[in-house]
Amino acid sequence: MRVVIADDVVLMRDGLARLLRDTGFEVVGQASNANELIQLVERRLPDVAVVDIRMPPTHTDEGIVAADRIRELKPAVGVLVLSHYLESRYAMRLLEHHPERVGYLLKERVSDVGVLTDAIRRIAEGECVIDPTIVARLLNRQRPQSPLDELSDREREVLALMAEGHSNGGIGQKLFLSPKTIEAHIRHIFQKLGLQETSEYHRRVLAVLAYLRAG
């Protein structure tokens, strides 16, 4: 799988590149700012771009702006935004604009290679992956009544794990439930949220987005 990396800190950029190469990814380019990243994506056409949220010149939301631009220019390219900061508004902004093939993780997750590589692969497959800490913060907000109120406690647990990017198998392991039981819960979630038959990935993304919007 082809990956590009954007981070203005050389040590972080090189460290990520080495880690990803060691786990079988092909790192096809590195950038130090958002403009370089967009040019790199257009030239190299990676499967996923791994992007720092704060880069020159303002060190605020350049990563989110670049992610939006990449998804507009190259819809087949996924984007994983990494941040040192717990910025739930940025995660929601990213999802509202482009709910498929995007992810938002705290940089501390990079120390867990399995979490990082699984997130990149799932984003490349069309899913969204949101840091569990962000999911928890969004769900602690006060919210109006919504279709999610129809979900059972178990269905909400399953949907929360879907929002964190877990596969059906991963959800089953965490909740000690069989694959058939997880499939049934997900089917009921889709029905209660009014998500009609379409691709499985697309419905998962729409369900997660509905969950986070209402959280």
C-alpha atoms as a PDB file:
ATOM      1  CA  MET A   1       0.000   0.000   0.000  1.00  0.00           C
ATOM      2  CA  ARG A   2       1.309   3.434  -0.994  1.00  0.00           C
ATOM      3  CA  VAL A   3       1.492   6.172   1.663  1.00  0.00           C
ATOM      4  CA  VAL A   4       2.694   9.790   1.818  1.00  0.00           C
ATOM      5  CA  ILE A   5       3.482  11.585   5.077  1.00  0.00           C
ATOM      6  CA  ALA A   6       3.186  15.283   5.931  1.00  0.00           C
ATOM      7  CA  ASP A   7       4.647  16.725   9.138  1.00  0.00           C
ATOM      8  CA  ASP A   8       6.824  19.800   9.660  1.00  0.00           C
ATOM      9  CA  VAL A   9       8.871  17.995  12.340  1.00  0.00           C
ATOM     10  CA  VAL A  10      11.578  16.030  10.544  1.00  0.00           C
ATOM     11  CA  LEU A  11      12.055  13.479  13.328  1.00  0.00           C
ATOM     12  CA  MET A  12       8.341  12.711  13.435  1.00  0.00           C
ATOM     13  CA  ARG A  13       8.135  12.464   9.654  1.00  0.00           C
ATOM     14  CA  ASP A  14      11.167  10.196   9.351  1.00  0.00           C
ATOM     15  CA  GLY A  15      10.087   8.100  12.317  1.00  0.00           C
ATOM     16  CA  LEU A  16       6.654   7.486  10.809  1.00  0.00           C
ATOM     17  CA  ALA A  17       8.193   6.643   7.452  1.00  0.00           C
ATOM     18  CA  ARG A  18      10.534   4.079   8.985  1.00  0.00           C
ATOM     19  CA  LEU A  19       7.771   2.535  11.090  1.00  0.00           C
ATOM     20  CA  LEU A  20       5.459   2.175   8.110  1.00  0.00           C
ATOM     21  CA  ARG A  21       8.168   0.751   5.856  1.00  0.00           C
ATOM     22  CA  ASP A  22       9.038  -1.791   8.549  1.00  0.00           C
ATOM     23  CA  THR A  23       5.418  -2.955   8.589  1.00  0.00           C
ATOM     24  CA  GLY A  24       5.158  -3.408   4.826  1.00  0.00           C
ATOM     25  CA  PHE A  25       3.903  -0.052   3.537  1.00  0.00           C
ATOM     26  CA  GLU A  26       5.490   1.756   0.598  1.00  0.00           C
ATOM     27  CA  VAL A  27       6.232   5.348   1.632  1.00  0.00           C
ATOM     28  CA  VAL A  28       6.278   7.186  -1.696  1.00  0.00           C
ATOM     29  CA  GLY A  29       6.929  10.715  -0.431  1.00  0.00           C
ATOM     30  CA  GLN A  30       7.235  13.120   2.490  1.00  0.00           C
ATOM     31  CA  ALA A  31       6.176  16.761   2.841  1.00  0.00           C
ATOM     32  CA  SER A  32       6.833  19.471   5.420  1.00  0.00           C
ATOM     33  CA  ASN A  33       3.753  21.619   4.751  1.00  0.00           C
ATOM     34  CA  ALA A  34       0.260  21.464   3.277  1.00  0.00           C
ATOM     35  CA  ASN A  35       1.146  22.835  -0.161  1.00  0.00           C
ATOM     36  CA  GLU A  36       3.951  20.298  -0.601  1.00  0.00           C
ATOM     37  CA  LEU A  37       1.563  17.573   0.506  1.00  0.00           C
ATOM     38  CA  ILE A  38      -1.109  18.414  -2.067  1.00  0.00           C
ATOM     39  CA  GLN A  39       1.483  18.549  -4.849  1.00  0.00           C
ATOM     40  CA  LEU A  40       2.919  15.240  -3.663  1.00  0.00           C
ATOM     41  CA  VAL A  41      -0.500  13.574  -3.671  1.00  0.00           C
ATOM     42  CA  GLU A  42      -1.177  14.780  -7.216  1.00  0.00           C
ATOM     43  CA  ARG A  43       2.182  13.430  -8.442  1.00  0.00           C
ATOM     44  CA  ARG A  44       2.394  10.135  -6.542  1.00  0.00           C
ATOM     45  CA  LEU A  45      -1.290   9.162  -6.110  1.00  0.00           C
ATOM     46  CA  PRO A  46      -0.907   7.291  -2.808  1.00  0.00           C
ATOM     47  CA  ASP A  47      -3.597   5.131  -1.257  1.00  0.00           C
ATOM     48  CA  VAL A  48      -3.490   7.158   1.966  1.00  0.00           C
ATOM     49  CA  ALA A  49      -1.926  10.442   3.117  1.00  0.00           C
ATOM     50  CA  VAL A  50      -0.903  10.646   6.791  1.00  0.00           C
ATOM     51  CA  VAL A  51      -1.130  14.307   7.795  1.00  0.00           C
ATOM     52  CA  ASP A  52      -0.219  16.377  10.842  1.00  0.00           C
ATOM     53  CA  ILE A  53      -3.088  18.679  11.788  1.00  0.00           C
ATOM     54  CA  ARG A  54      -0.888  21.732  12.523  1.00  0.00           C
ATOM     55  CA  MET A  55       1.672  22.784   9.929  1.00  0.00           C
ATOM     56  CA  PRO A  56       3.180  26.027   8.563  1.00  0.00           C
ATOM     57  CA  PRO A  57       2.400  28.828   8.169  1.00  0.00           C
ATOM     58  CA  THR A  58      -0.210  29.290  10.949  1.00  0.00           C
ATOM     59  CA  HIS A  59       0.085  25.950  12.792  1.00  0.00           C
ATOM     60  CA  THR A  60      -3.685  25.774  13.318  1.00  0.00           C
ATOM     61  CA  ASP A  61      -5.830  23.662  10.974  1.00  0.00           C
ATOM     62  CA  GLU A  62      -3.654  23.236   7.866  1.00  0.00           C
ATOM     63  CA  GLY A  63      -3.993  19.458   8.051  1.00  0.00           C
ATOM     64  CA  ILE A  64      -7.797  19.622   7.957  1.00  0.00           C
ATOM     65  CA  VAL A  65      -7.737  22.122   5.077  1.00  0.00           C
ATOM     66  CA  ALA A  66      -5.301  19.882   3.171  1.00  0.00           C
ATOM     67  CA  ALA A  67      -7.426  16.808   3.905  1.00  0.00           C
ATOM     68  CA  ASP A  68     -10.493  18.537   2.462  1.00  0.00           C
ATOM     69  CA  ARG A  69      -8.547  19.569  -0.623  1.00  0.00           C
ATOM     70  CA  ILE A  70      -7.114  16.088  -1.187  1.00  0.00           C
ATOM     71  CA  ARG A  71     -10.560  14.462  -0.892  1.00  0.00           C
ATOM     72  CA  GLU A  72     -11.940  16.980  -3.420  1.00  0.00           C
ATOM     73  CA  LEU A  73      -9.084  16.597  -5.913  1.00  0.00           C
ATOM     74  CA  LYS A  74      -8.427  12.883  -5.484  1.00  0.00           C
ATOM     75  CA  PRO A  75     -11.455  11.098  -3.968  1.00  0.00           C
ATOM     76  CA  ALA A  76      -9.717   7.727  -4.154  1.00  0.00           C
ATOM     77  CA  VAL A  77      -6.966   8.918  -1.781  1.00  0.00           C
ATOM     78  CA  GLY A  78      -7.703   8.410   1.914  1.00  0.00           C
ATOM     79  CA  VAL A  79      -6.472  10.792   4.606  1.00  0.00           C
ATOM     80  CA  LEU A  80      -5.446  10.034   8.182  1.00  0.00           C
ATOM     81  CA  VAL A  81      -5.058  13.204  10.264  1.00  0.00           C
ATOM     82  CA  LEU A  82      -2.799  12.962  13.317  1.00  0.00           C
ATOM     83  CA  SER A  83      -2.913  15.454  16.183  1.00  0.00           C
ATOM     84  CA  HIS A  84      -1.281  16.042  19.553  1.00  0.00           C
ATOM     85  CA  TYR A  85      -4.479  17.799  20.568  1.00  0.00           C
ATOM     86  CA  LEU A  86      -7.959  16.598  21.473  1.00  0.00           C
ATOM     87  CA  GLU A  87      -9.843  18.695  18.902  1.00  0.00           C
ATOM     88  CA  SER A  88     -13.273  17.134  18.480  1.00  0.00           C
ATOM     89  CA  ARG A  89     -14.512  20.055  16.348  1.00  0.00           C
ATOM     90  CA  TYR A  90     -11.824  19.320  13.759  1.00  0.00           C
ATOM     91  CA  ALA A  91     -12.768  15.646  13.660  1.00  0.00           C
ATOM     92  CA  MET A  92     -16.418  16.510  13.065  1.00  0.00           C
ATOM     93  CA  ARG A  93     -15.487  19.091  10.426  1.00  0.00           C
ATOM     94  CA  LEU A  94     -13.509  16.457   8.567  1.00  0.00           C
ATOM     95  CA  LEU A  95     -16.337  13.917   8.730  1.00  0.00           C
ATOM     96  CA  GLU A  96     -19.063  16.378   7.770  1.00  0.00           C
ATOM     97  CA  HIS A  97     -17.252  17.271   4.547  1.00  0.00           C
ATOM     98  CA  HIS A  98     -15.926  13.843   3.560  1.00  0.00           C
ATOM     99  CA  PRO A  99     -17.179  10.943   5.725  1.00  0.00           C
ATOM    100  CA  GLU A 100     -15.467   8.182   3.729  1.00  0.00           C
ATOM    101  CA  ARG A 101     -11.759   7.334   3.558  1.00  0.00           C
ATOM    102  CA  VAL A 102     -10.814   9.635   6.443  1.00  0.00           C
ATOM    103  CA  GLY A 103      -9.501   9.203   9.955  1.00  0.00           C
ATOM    104  CA  TYR A 104      -8.504  11.278  12.959  1.00  0.00           C
ATOM    105  CA  LEU A 105      -6.157   9.874  15.597  1.00  0.00           C
ATOM    106  CA  LEU A 106      -4.187  11.369  18.448  1.00  0.00           C
ATOM    107  CA  LYS A 107      -0.453  11.124  17.865  1.00  0.00           C
ATOM    108  CA  GLU A 108      -0.038   9.109  21.038  1.00  0.00           C
ATOM    109  CA  ARG A 109      -1.690   6.219  19.172  1.00  0.00           C
ATOM    110  CA  VAL A 110       1.323   6.082  16.840  1.00  0.00           C
ATOM    111  CA  SER A 111       3.193   4.239  19.582  1.00  0.00           C
ATOM    112  CA  ASP A 112       0.780   1.332  19.023  1.00  0.00           C
ATOM    113  CA  VAL A 113       1.834   0.137  15.581  1.00  0.00           C
ATOM    114  CA  GLY A 114      -1.163  -2.130  15.226  1.00  0.00           C
ATOM    115  CA  VAL A 115      -3.635   0.729  15.797  1.00  0.00           C
ATOM    116  CA  LEU A 116      -1.884   2.954  13.264  1.00  0.00           C
ATOM    117  CA  THR A 117      -1.496   0.363  10.522  1.00  0.00           C
ATOM    118  CA  ASP A 118      -5.031  -0.957  10.986  1.00  0.00           C
ATOM    119  CA  ALA A 119      -6.387   2.605  10.711  1.00  0.00           C
ATOM    120  CA  ILE A 120      -4.500   3.223   7.471  1.00  0.00           C
ATOM    121  CA  ARG A 121      -5.727  -0.023   5.922  1.00  0.00           C
ATOM    122  CA  ARG A 122      -9.332   0.584   6.919  1.00  0.00           C
ATOM    123  CA  ILE A 123      -9.260   4.130   5.565  1.00  0.00           C
ATOM    124  CA  ALA A 124      -7.877   2.826   2.262  1.00  0.00           C
ATOM    125  CA  GLU A 125     -10.850   0.426   2.139  1.00  0.00           C
ATOM    126  CA  GLY A 126     -13.306   3.317   2.425  1.00  0.00           C
ATOM    127  CA  GLU A 127     -14.066   3.496   6.127  1.00  0.00           C
ATOM    128  CA  CYS A 128     -13.679   6.279   8.690  1.00  0.00           C
ATOM    129  CA  VAL A 129     -11.617   5.808  11.844  1.00  0.00           C
ATOM    130  CA  ILE A 130     -11.975   8.183  14.798  1.00  0.00           C
ATOM    131  CA  ASP A 131      -9.872   8.162  17.964  1.00  0.00           C
ATOM    132  CA  PRO A 132     -11.792   6.606  20.894  1.00  0.00           C
ATOM    133  CA  THR A 133     -11.083   9.703  23.018  1.00  0.00           C
ATOM    134  CA  ILE A 134     -12.728  11.901  20.395  1.00  0.00           C
ATOM    135  CA  VAL A 135     -15.716   9.555  20.202  1.00  0.00           C
ATOM    136  CA  ALA A 136     -16.134   9.716  23.995  1.00  0.00           C
ATOM    137  CA  ARG A 137     -16.001  13.521  24.016  1.00  0.00           C
ATOM    138  CA  LEU A 138     -18.548  13.847  21.222  1.00  0.00           C
ATOM    139  CA  LEU A 139     -20.918  11.462  22.943  1.00  0.00           C
ATOM    140  CA  ASN A 140     -20.750  13.371  26.239  1.00  0.00           C
ATOM    141  CA  ARG A 141     -22.290  16.474  24.667  1.00  0.00           C
ATOM    142  CA  GLN A 142     -25.909  17.292  25.305  1.00  0.00           C
ATOM    143  CA  ARG A 143     -27.999  16.343  22.283  1.00  0.00           C
ATOM    144  CA  PRO A 144     -31.590  16.608  21.052  1.00  0.00           C
ATOM    145  CA  GLN A 145     -33.768  13.557  20.533  1.00  0.00           C
ATOM    146  CA  SER A 146     -32.629  11.458  17.574  1.00  0.00           C
ATOM    147  CA  PRO A 147     -33.135   8.030  15.944  1.00  0.00           C
ATOM    148  CA  LEU A 148     -30.209   6.806  18.025  1.00  0.00           C
ATOM    149  CA  ASP A 149     -32.510   6.869  21.046  1.00  0.00           C
ATOM    150  CA  GLU A 150     -34.154   3.774  19.527  1.00  0.00           C
ATOM    151  CA  LEU A 151     -30.947   1.765  19.819  1.00  0.00           C
ATOM    152  CA  SER A 152     -30.509  -0.683  22.652  1.00  0.00           C
ATOM    153  CA  ASP A 153     -27.544  -0.308  25.019  1.00  0.00           C
ATOM    154  CA  ARG A 154     -25.790  -3.192  23.255  1.00  0.00           C
ATOM    155  CA  GLU A 155     -26.423  -1.667  19.831  1.00  0.00           C
ATOM    156  CA  ARG A 156     -24.929   1.620  21.050  1.00  0.00           C
ATOM    157  CA  GLU A 157     -21.869  -0.281  22.284  1.00  0.00           C
ATOM    158  CA  VAL A 158     -21.493  -1.911  18.877  1.00  0.00           C
ATOM    159  CA  LEU A 159     -21.904   1.417  17.069  1.00  0.00           C
ATOM    160  CA  ALA A 160     -19.370   3.120  19.349  1.00  0.00           C
ATOM    161  CA  LEU A 161     -16.813   0.431  18.466  1.00  0.00           C
ATOM    162  CA  MET A 162     -17.663   0.851  14.782  1.00  0.00           C
ATOM    163  CA  ALA A 163     -16.924   4.588  15.209  1.00  0.00           C
ATOM    164  CA  GLU A 164     -13.507   3.707  16.596  1.00  0.00           C
ATOM    165  CA  GLY A 165     -12.799   1.751  13.412  1.00  0.00           C
ATOM    166  CA  HIS A 166     -13.129  -1.825  14.673  1.00  0.00           C
ATOM    167  CA  SER A 167     -14.096  -4.610  12.270  1.00  0.00           C
ATOM    168  CA  ASN A 168     -16.951  -6.988  13.044  1.00  0.00           C
ATOM    169  CA  GLY A 169     -14.414  -9.520  14.303  1.00  0.00           C
ATOM    170  CA  GLY A 170     -12.760  -6.923  16.541  1.00  0.00           C
ATOM    171  CA  ILE A 171     -16.114  -5.840  17.964  1.00  0.00           C
ATOM    172  CA  GLY A 172     -17.015  -9.463  18.678  1.00  0.00           C
ATOM    173  CA  GLN A 173     -13.751 -10.019  20.542  1.00  0.00           C
ATOM    174  CA  LYS A 174     -14.210  -6.911  22.673  1.00  0.00           C
ATOM    175  CA  LEU A 175     -17.822  -7.716  23.565  1.00  0.00           C
ATOM    176  CA  PHE A 176     -17.364 -11.522  23.711  1.00  0.00           C
ATOM    177  CA  LEU A 177     -20.063 -12.035  21.081  1.00  0.00           C
ATOM    178  CA  SER A 178     -20.199 -14.313  18.047  1.00  0.00           C
ATOM    179  CA  PRO A 179     -19.830 -12.958  14.484  1.00  0.00           C
ATOM    180  CA  LYS A 180     -23.505 -13.777  13.755  1.00  0.00           C
ATOM    181  CA  THR A 181     -24.628 -11.811  16.820  1.00  0.00           C
ATOM    182  CA  ILE A 182     -22.544  -8.798  15.763  1.00  0.00           C
ATOM    183  CA  GLU A 183     -23.957  -8.986  12.232  1.00  0.00           C
ATOM    184  CA  ALA A 184     -27.480  -9.040  13.674  1.00  0.00           C
ATOM    185  CA  HIS A 185     -26.797  -6.014  15.872  1.00  0.00           C
ATOM    186  CA  ILE A 186     -25.376  -4.082  12.919  1.00  0.00           C
ATOM    187  CA  ARG A 187     -28.349  -5.030  10.760  1.00  0.00           C
ATOM    188  CA  HIS A 188     -30.701  -3.712  13.463  1.00  0.00           C
ATOM    189  CA  ILE A 189     -28.652  -0.508  13.748  1.00  0.00           C
ATOM    190  CA  PHE A 190     -28.973   0.110  10.006  1.00  0.00           C
ATOM    191  CA  GLN A 191     -32.716  -0.518  10.170  1.00  0.00           C
ATOM    192  CA  LYS A 192     -33.300   1.787  13.148  1.00  0.00           C
ATOM    193  CA  LEU A 193     -31.255   4.578  11.554  1.00  0.00           C
ATOM    194  CA  GLY A 194     -33.174   4.221   8.298  1.00  0.00           C
ATOM    195  CA  LEU A 195     -30.111   3.293   6.242  1.00  0.00           C
ATOM    196  CA  GLN A 196     -31.301   1.531   3.109  1.00  0.00           C
ATOM    197  CA  GLU A 197     -29.501  -1.279   1.301  1.00  0.00           C
ATOM    198  CA  THR A 198     -26.214  -0.109  -0.246  1.00  0.00           C
ATOM    199  CA  SER A 199     -22.573  -1.103   0.118  1.00  0.00           C
ATOM    200  CA  GLU A 200     -21.685  -2.365   3.593  1.00  0.00           C
ATOM    201  CA  TYR A 201     -18.816   0.107   4.004  1.00  0.00           C
ATOM    202  CA  HIS A 202     -20.978   3.053   2.967  1.00  0.00           C
ATOM    203  CA  ARG A 203     -23.704   2.185   5.464  1.00  0.00           C
ATOM    204  CA  ARG A 204     -21.133   1.753   8.229  1.00  0.00           C
ATOM    205  CA  VAL A 205     -19.734   5.215   7.508  1.00  0.00           C
ATOM    206  CA  LEU A 206     -23.218   6.771   7.445  1.00  0.00           C
ATOM    207  CA  ALA A 207     -24.138   5.059  10.715  1.00  0.00           C
ATOM    208  CA  VAL A 208     -20.975   6.301  12.398  1.00  0.00           C
ATOM    209  CA  LEU A 209     -21.518   9.822  11.100  1.00  0.00           C
ATOM    210  CA  ALA A 210     -25.103   9.836  12.413  1.00  0.00           C
ATOM    211  CA  TYR A 211     -23.802   8.602  15.753  1.00  0.00           C
ATOM    212  CA  LEU A 212     -21.175  11.318  16.077  1.00  0.00           C
ATOM    213  CA  ARG A 213     -23.469  14.093  14.888  1.00  0.00           C
ATOM    214  CA  ALA A 214     -26.011  13.161  17.546  1.00  0.00           C
ATOM    215  CA  GLY A 215     -23.456  12.596  20.257  1.00  0.00           C
END
